[in-house]
């Protein structure tokens, strides 16, 4: 069972997108603005358990298990984990929980990568009012940045991100990481994050399905990294975006976002003195940045309407 805040009742439901059924969890202020939380690898909605109680008094908080994780459908084909399919899942959840009214999105890691895919789709602003992104780049933007940096003979930034992402090369090889993930990492994940991220292992929430989630989630890397970085597209968005940059992130270096203003018409940046898993280690700061960003957009709308 999920370790949700005992103060706020949780409504569980299923949302379908084609053949995929997603486990969705709804709690918080029923008549508040809706914020959808999207997790990455190898997490489930459990990633947000320290953040939900900080938002639930003021927002309707919706989280869900992405395809391939937790209680949601586990597609077997690599192509079923392409970003277009994952963005489709997010839109399906939004349509189900908030038909006709755009929601705010807070996303981490691959959840952020797939939300970037969604916000760069035509008409995304009709469904997504704002996007707070943690530790998950737009892969097309990243590919364009690497090329632009190379053309200017600026290799330090891409080299730093390349070193940080070296593990993803191993994830591309079918079967190579399956046994280590199942036999060791899944059993010692909180301790590993304590070593890798310098956080307290006691704050790490893991689902009973973590071994399967780790292995199934490898298809995310195989379906998307080489196509996106190999042939990056021009991807723009008018959805307001907040980059919550983890200063000590060893997996996604902040330097990779240095030209994000080129692609986003309304961009803000905030920094946290945290590693990659800031939703575990710094829930208060993550929640406050998300809350403040939404409030600033609300104030801006009010000023516009009154002028």
Protein backbone atom coordinates (compact mmCIF):
# COMPACT_ATOMS: atom_id res chain seq x y z
CA UNK A 1 0.00 0.00 0.00
CA UNK A 2 1.10 3.59 -0.59
CA UNK A 3 2.29 5.66 2.36
CA UNK A 4 0.04 8.65 1.79
CA UNK A 5 -0.56 11.38 4.33
CA UNK A 6 -3.22 10.17 6.80
CA UNK A 7 -4.77 13.66 6.78
CA UNK A 8 -5.93 13.54 3.15
CA UNK A 9 -8.09 10.75 1.78
CA UNK A 10 -6.84 9.13 -1.41
CA UNK A 11 -9.10 8.23 -4.30
CA UNK A 12 -7.60 5.59 -6.58
CA UNK A 13 -8.83 5.21 -10.15
CA UNK A 14 -7.77 3.82 -13.52
CA UNK A 15 -7.21 5.94 -16.61
CA UNK A 16 -6.74 4.30 -19.99
CA UNK A 17 -4.75 5.42 -23.01
CA UNK A 18 -5.28 2.83 -25.72
CA UNK A 19 -4.20 -0.53 -24.32
CA UNK A 20 -2.44 1.02 -21.32
CA UNK A 21 -4.20 1.35 -17.98
CA UNK A 22 -2.68 3.83 -15.53
CA UNK A 23 -3.04 3.76 -11.75
CA UNK A 24 -4.00 7.30 -10.69
CA UNK A 25 -4.19 8.67 -7.15
CA UNK A 26 -6.23 11.77 -6.33
CA UNK A 27 -6.10 13.66 -3.02
CA UNK A 28 -5.99 17.09 -1.44
CA UNK A 29 -8.32 20.07 -1.81
CA UNK A 30 -11.14 18.94 -4.11
CA UNK A 31 -11.93 22.44 -5.37
CA UNK A 32 -8.32 23.64 -5.55
CA UNK A 33 -6.23 24.07 -8.66
CA UNK A 34 -5.03 20.68 -9.91
CA UNK A 35 -1.35 19.81 -9.91
CA UNK A 36 -0.27 16.55 -11.56
CA UNK A 37 2.93 14.89 -10.31
CA UNK A 38 4.93 12.74 -12.76
CA UNK A 39 7.71 10.46 -11.52
CA UNK A 40 10.76 9.07 -13.32
CA UNK A 41 12.98 5.97 -13.21
CA UNK A 42 12.90 3.75 -11.19
CA UNK A 43 10.21 5.36 -9.08
CA UNK A 44 6.44 5.21 -8.85
CA UNK A 45 3.99 7.76 -7.44
CA UNK A 46 5.66 6.92 -4.10
CA UNK A 47 8.38 9.42 -5.09
CA UNK A 48 6.04 12.25 -4.10
CA UNK A 49 4.98 11.01 -0.67
CA UNK A 50 6.92 13.72 1.19
CA UNK A 51 5.68 16.47 -1.14
CA UNK A 52 1.96 15.64 -1.41
CA UNK A 53 1.19 16.63 2.23
CA UNK A 54 2.89 19.99 1.62
CA UNK A 55 0.59 20.77 -1.33
CA UNK A 56 -2.64 18.99 -0.45
CA UNK A 57 -4.11 21.72 1.77
CA UNK A 58 -4.18 24.15 -1.15
CA UNK A 59 -4.21 22.02 -4.31
CA UNK A 60 -5.93 19.01 -5.69
CA UNK A 61 -2.92 16.71 -6.05
CA UNK A 62 -2.93 13.96 -8.67
CA UNK A 63 -0.11 11.43 -9.04
CA UNK A 64 0.10 8.31 -11.13
CA UNK A 65 2.29 5.32 -11.92
CA UNK A 66 3.75 5.74 -15.40
CA UNK A 67 3.45 2.91 -17.91
CA UNK A 68 5.94 0.19 -17.02
CA UNK A 69 5.90 1.04 -13.30
CA UNK A 70 4.00 0.22 -10.14
CA UNK A 71 0.36 -0.67 -10.61
CA UNK A 72 0.10 0.49 -14.24
CA UNK A 73 0.26 -1.60 -17.40
CA UNK A 74 3.68 -3.00 -18.34
CA UNK A 75 4.06 -2.90 -22.15
CA UNK A 76 6.52 -5.48 -23.45
CA UNK A 77 7.74 -3.70 -26.60
CA UNK A 78 10.48 -1.08 -26.51
CA UNK A 79 8.58 1.14 -28.97
CA UNK A 80 5.69 1.37 -26.51
CA UNK A 81 7.94 3.51 -24.28
CA UNK A 82 8.54 6.26 -26.83
CA UNK A 83 8.06 9.78 -25.54
CA UNK A 84 5.04 10.35 -27.74
CA UNK A 85 3.26 7.47 -25.97
CA UNK A 86 4.27 8.74 -22.53
CA UNK A 87 3.08 12.26 -23.36
CA UNK A 88 -0.17 10.68 -24.51
CA UNK A 89 -0.51 9.06 -21.09
CA UNK A 90 -0.07 12.43 -19.39
CA UNK A 91 -2.70 14.03 -21.61
CA UNK A 92 -5.06 11.11 -20.90
CA UNK A 93 -4.66 11.63 -17.16
CA UNK A 94 -5.25 15.39 -17.52
CA UNK A 95 -8.37 14.82 -19.65
CA UNK A 96 -9.71 12.38 -17.05
CA UNK A 97 -9.06 14.39 -13.89
CA UNK A 98 -9.55 17.94 -15.20
CA UNK A 99 -11.57 17.98 -18.42
CA UNK A 100 -11.69 21.42 -19.96
CA UNK A 101 -9.41 23.08 -17.40
CA UNK A 102 -5.59 23.13 -17.67
CA UNK A 103 -3.52 21.69 -14.81
CA UNK A 104 -0.12 22.44 -13.38
CA UNK A 105 2.55 19.75 -13.70
CA UNK A 106 5.50 18.99 -11.42
CA UNK A 107 7.76 16.29 -12.81
CA UNK A 108 11.09 14.61 -12.05
CA UNK A 109 13.66 12.65 -14.09
CA UNK A 110 11.96 10.72 -16.94
CA UNK A 111 8.65 12.18 -15.78
CA UNK A 112 10.11 15.57 -16.65
CA UNK A 113 11.47 14.29 -19.98
CA UNK A 114 8.03 13.05 -21.00
CA UNK A 115 6.36 16.26 -19.79
CA UNK A 116 8.77 18.26 -21.97
CA UNK A 117 7.50 16.17 -24.88
CA UNK A 118 3.93 17.06 -23.93
CA UNK A 119 4.40 20.82 -23.41
CA UNK A 120 6.08 21.14 -26.82
CA UNK A 121 3.06 19.70 -28.59
CA UNK A 122 0.75 22.14 -30.42
CA UNK A 123 -2.04 23.36 -28.16
CA UNK A 124 -0.37 22.07 -24.98
CA UNK A 125 -1.17 25.32 -23.15
CA UNK A 126 -4.86 24.39 -23.34
CA UNK A 127 -4.19 21.40 -21.09
CA UNK A 128 -1.07 22.41 -19.11
CA UNK A 129 -1.07 25.75 -17.25
CA UNK A 130 2.51 25.45 -16.01
CA UNK A 131 5.37 22.97 -15.82
CA UNK A 132 7.93 22.74 -13.01
CA UNK A 133 10.77 20.53 -14.24
CA UNK A 134 13.24 18.72 -11.99
CA UNK A 135 16.25 16.80 -13.30
CA UNK A 136 14.84 15.80 -16.65
CA UNK A 137 15.76 17.67 -19.85
CA UNK A 138 14.00 17.95 -23.15
CA UNK A 139 16.12 15.46 -25.11
CA UNK A 140 15.76 17.46 -28.33
CA UNK A 141 16.95 20.62 -26.60
CA UNK A 142 19.85 18.65 -25.14
CA UNK A 143 20.81 17.30 -28.55
CA UNK A 144 20.67 20.77 -30.10
CA UNK A 145 22.75 22.20 -27.25
CA UNK A 146 25.44 19.54 -27.68
CA UNK A 147 25.67 20.32 -31.40
CA UNK A 148 25.73 24.09 -30.86
CA UNK A 149 28.42 23.75 -28.19
CA UNK A 150 30.55 21.57 -30.45
CA UNK A 151 30.24 24.03 -33.35
CA UNK A 152 31.56 26.76 -31.05
CA UNK A 153 34.31 24.45 -29.76
CA UNK A 154 32.85 24.60 -26.27
CA UNK A 155 33.31 21.03 -25.12
CA UNK A 156 33.45 21.35 -21.33
CA UNK A 157 29.68 21.43 -20.70
CA UNK A 158 28.79 18.53 -23.02
CA UNK A 159 31.73 16.55 -21.62
CA UNK A 160 30.45 17.05 -18.07
CA UNK A 161 26.96 15.87 -19.07
CA UNK A 162 28.43 12.99 -21.08
CA UNK A 163 30.33 11.73 -18.04
CA UNK A 164 27.22 12.12 -15.88
CA UNK A 165 25.16 10.15 -18.42
CA UNK A 166 27.72 7.40 -19.06
CA UNK A 167 25.56 4.83 -17.28
CA UNK A 168 22.87 5.25 -19.94
CA UNK A 169 25.18 3.58 -22.47
CA UNK A 170 25.03 0.41 -20.37
CA UNK A 171 21.25 0.72 -20.20
CA UNK A 172 21.11 0.57 -24.02
CA UNK A 173 22.40 -3.01 -24.09
CA UNK A 174 19.53 -5.50 -23.65
CA UNK A 175 20.03 -7.85 -20.71
CA UNK A 176 23.30 -6.36 -19.50
CA UNK A 177 21.90 -4.61 -16.43
CA UNK A 178 18.98 -6.89 -15.65
CA UNK A 179 20.67 -9.12 -13.07
CA UNK A 180 22.55 -6.36 -11.21
CA UNK A 181 19.35 -4.33 -10.95
CA UNK A 182 17.22 -7.24 -9.79
CA UNK A 183 19.73 -8.90 -7.47
CA UNK A 184 21.46 -5.92 -5.86
CA UNK A 185 20.29 -2.42 -6.70
CA UNK A 186 16.58 -3.12 -6.12
CA UNK A 187 17.38 -4.58 -2.69
CA UNK A 188 19.72 -1.78 -1.63
CA UNK A 189 18.25 1.25 -3.41
CA UNK A 190 17.87 3.55 -0.36
CA UNK A 191 21.45 2.79 0.70
CA UNK A 192 22.71 3.36 -2.85
CA UNK A 193 20.98 6.74 -3.01
CA UNK A 194 22.56 7.59 0.33
CA UNK A 195 25.95 6.94 -1.28
CA UNK A 196 25.16 8.44 -4.69
CA UNK A 197 23.13 11.48 -3.61
CA UNK A 198 24.28 12.02 -0.04
CA UNK A 199 20.73 11.83 1.30
CA UNK A 200 19.34 10.02 4.32
CA UNK A 201 18.29 6.54 3.10
CA UNK A 202 15.34 6.66 5.50
CA UNK A 203 13.59 9.29 3.33
CA UNK A 204 13.60 7.07 0.22
CA UNK A 205 10.20 5.56 -0.59
CA UNK A 206 10.32 2.43 -2.72
CA UNK A 207 7.41 0.45 -4.13
CA UNK A 208 7.14 -3.34 -3.75
CA UNK A 209 7.52 -3.51 -7.53
CA UNK A 210 10.92 -1.76 -7.60
CA UNK A 211 12.85 -4.70 -9.12
CA UNK A 212 10.41 -4.96 -12.02
CA UNK A 213 10.21 -1.17 -12.30
CA UNK A 214 13.98 -0.92 -12.67
CA UNK A 215 14.15 -3.51 -15.41
CA UNK A 216 11.01 -2.48 -17.31
CA UNK A 217 12.07 1.16 -17.16
CA UNK A 218 15.24 0.43 -19.11
CA UNK A 219 13.05 0.50 -22.22
CA UNK A 220 12.70 4.27 -21.69
CA UNK A 221 16.40 4.68 -22.40
CA UNK A 222 16.40 2.32 -25.38
CA UNK A 223 13.32 3.85 -27.00
CA UNK A 224 14.32 7.49 -26.74
CA UNK A 225 17.92 8.50 -26.12
CA UNK A 226 19.57 7.60 -29.42
CA UNK A 227 16.69 8.79 -31.66
CA UNK A 228 16.30 12.10 -29.81
CA UNK A 229 19.98 12.95 -29.47
CA UNK A 230 20.81 11.60 -32.92
CA UNK A 231 18.20 13.67 -34.75
CA UNK A 232 17.03 16.43 -32.41
CA UNK A 233 13.98 18.43 -33.45
CA UNK A 234 13.19 22.10 -32.98
CA UNK A 235 10.77 21.98 -30.04
CA UNK A 236 9.17 25.18 -28.72
CA UNK A 237 6.59 25.81 -26.04
CA UNK A 238 4.47 28.70 -24.76
CA UNK A 239 3.62 26.81 -21.56
CA UNK A 240 5.27 28.65 -18.63
CA UNK A 241 8.18 26.53 -17.42
CA UNK A 242 10.12 26.61 -14.18
CA UNK A 243 13.47 24.82 -14.05
CA UNK A 244 14.16 23.57 -10.52
CA UNK A 245 17.88 22.95 -10.84
CA UNK A 246 19.56 20.58 -8.42
CA UNK A 247 23.00 22.12 -7.92
CA UNK A 248 24.73 18.84 -7.05
CA UNK A 249 22.87 16.61 -9.51
CA UNK A 250 25.30 13.91 -10.67
CA UNK A 251 22.98 12.57 -13.38
CA UNK A 252 21.63 15.74 -15.02
CA UNK A 253 24.08 18.62 -14.94
CA UNK A 254 22.52 22.11 -14.77
CA UNK A 255 24.82 23.31 -17.57
CA UNK A 256 22.69 21.36 -20.06
CA UNK A 257 19.92 23.94 -19.64
CA UNK A 258 22.02 26.98 -20.50
CA UNK A 259 20.12 27.77 -23.72
CA UNK A 260 16.61 26.69 -22.69
CA UNK A 261 15.38 30.28 -23.13
CA UNK A 262 15.72 29.70 -26.86
CA UNK A 263 12.90 27.16 -26.77
CA UNK A 264 10.63 28.42 -23.97
CA UNK A 265 8.86 31.77 -24.23
CA UNK A 266 8.19 32.01 -20.48
CA UNK A 267 11.01 30.52 -18.38
CA UNK A 268 12.10 30.83 -14.75
CA UNK A 269 15.01 29.19 -12.97
CA UNK A 270 15.37 28.19 -9.32
CA UNK A 271 18.26 26.35 -7.71
CA UNK A 272 18.29 23.88 -4.83
CA UNK A 273 21.45 22.72 -3.04
CA UNK A 274 20.47 19.11 -3.65
CA UNK A 275 21.41 16.02 -5.61
CA UNK A 276 19.30 14.26 -8.21
CA UNK A 277 16.55 12.96 -5.90
CA UNK A 278 15.48 16.30 -4.40
CA UNK A 279 11.83 15.17 -4.05
CA UNK A 280 13.14 12.79 -1.37
CA UNK A 281 15.84 14.97 0.17
CA UNK A 282 14.40 18.51 -0.15
CA UNK A 283 10.59 18.15 -0.33
CA UNK A 284 9.96 21.49 1.35
CA UNK A 285 12.00 23.46 -1.17
CA UNK A 286 10.54 21.59 -4.15
CA UNK A 287 6.97 22.15 -2.92
CA UNK A 288 7.61 25.82 -2.16
CA UNK A 289 9.13 26.50 -5.59
CA UNK A 290 6.16 24.81 -7.27
CA UNK A 291 3.70 26.73 -5.11
CA UNK A 292 5.45 30.09 -5.66
CA UNK A 293 5.60 29.59 -9.42
CA UNK A 294 1.90 28.85 -9.62
CA UNK A 295 1.14 31.85 -7.40
CA UNK A 296 3.23 34.14 -9.61
CA UNK A 297 1.32 33.02 -12.69
CA UNK A 298 -1.98 33.55 -10.88
CA UNK A 299 -0.96 37.09 -9.92
CA UNK A 300 0.15 37.79 -13.47
CA UNK A 301 -3.24 36.66 -14.80
CA UNK A 302 -5.05 38.88 -12.28
CA UNK A 303 -2.97 41.90 -13.25
CA UNK A 304 -3.68 41.24 -16.91
CA UNK A 305 -7.42 40.97 -16.33
CA UNK A 306 -7.54 44.16 -14.26
CA UNK A 307 -5.50 46.26 -16.71
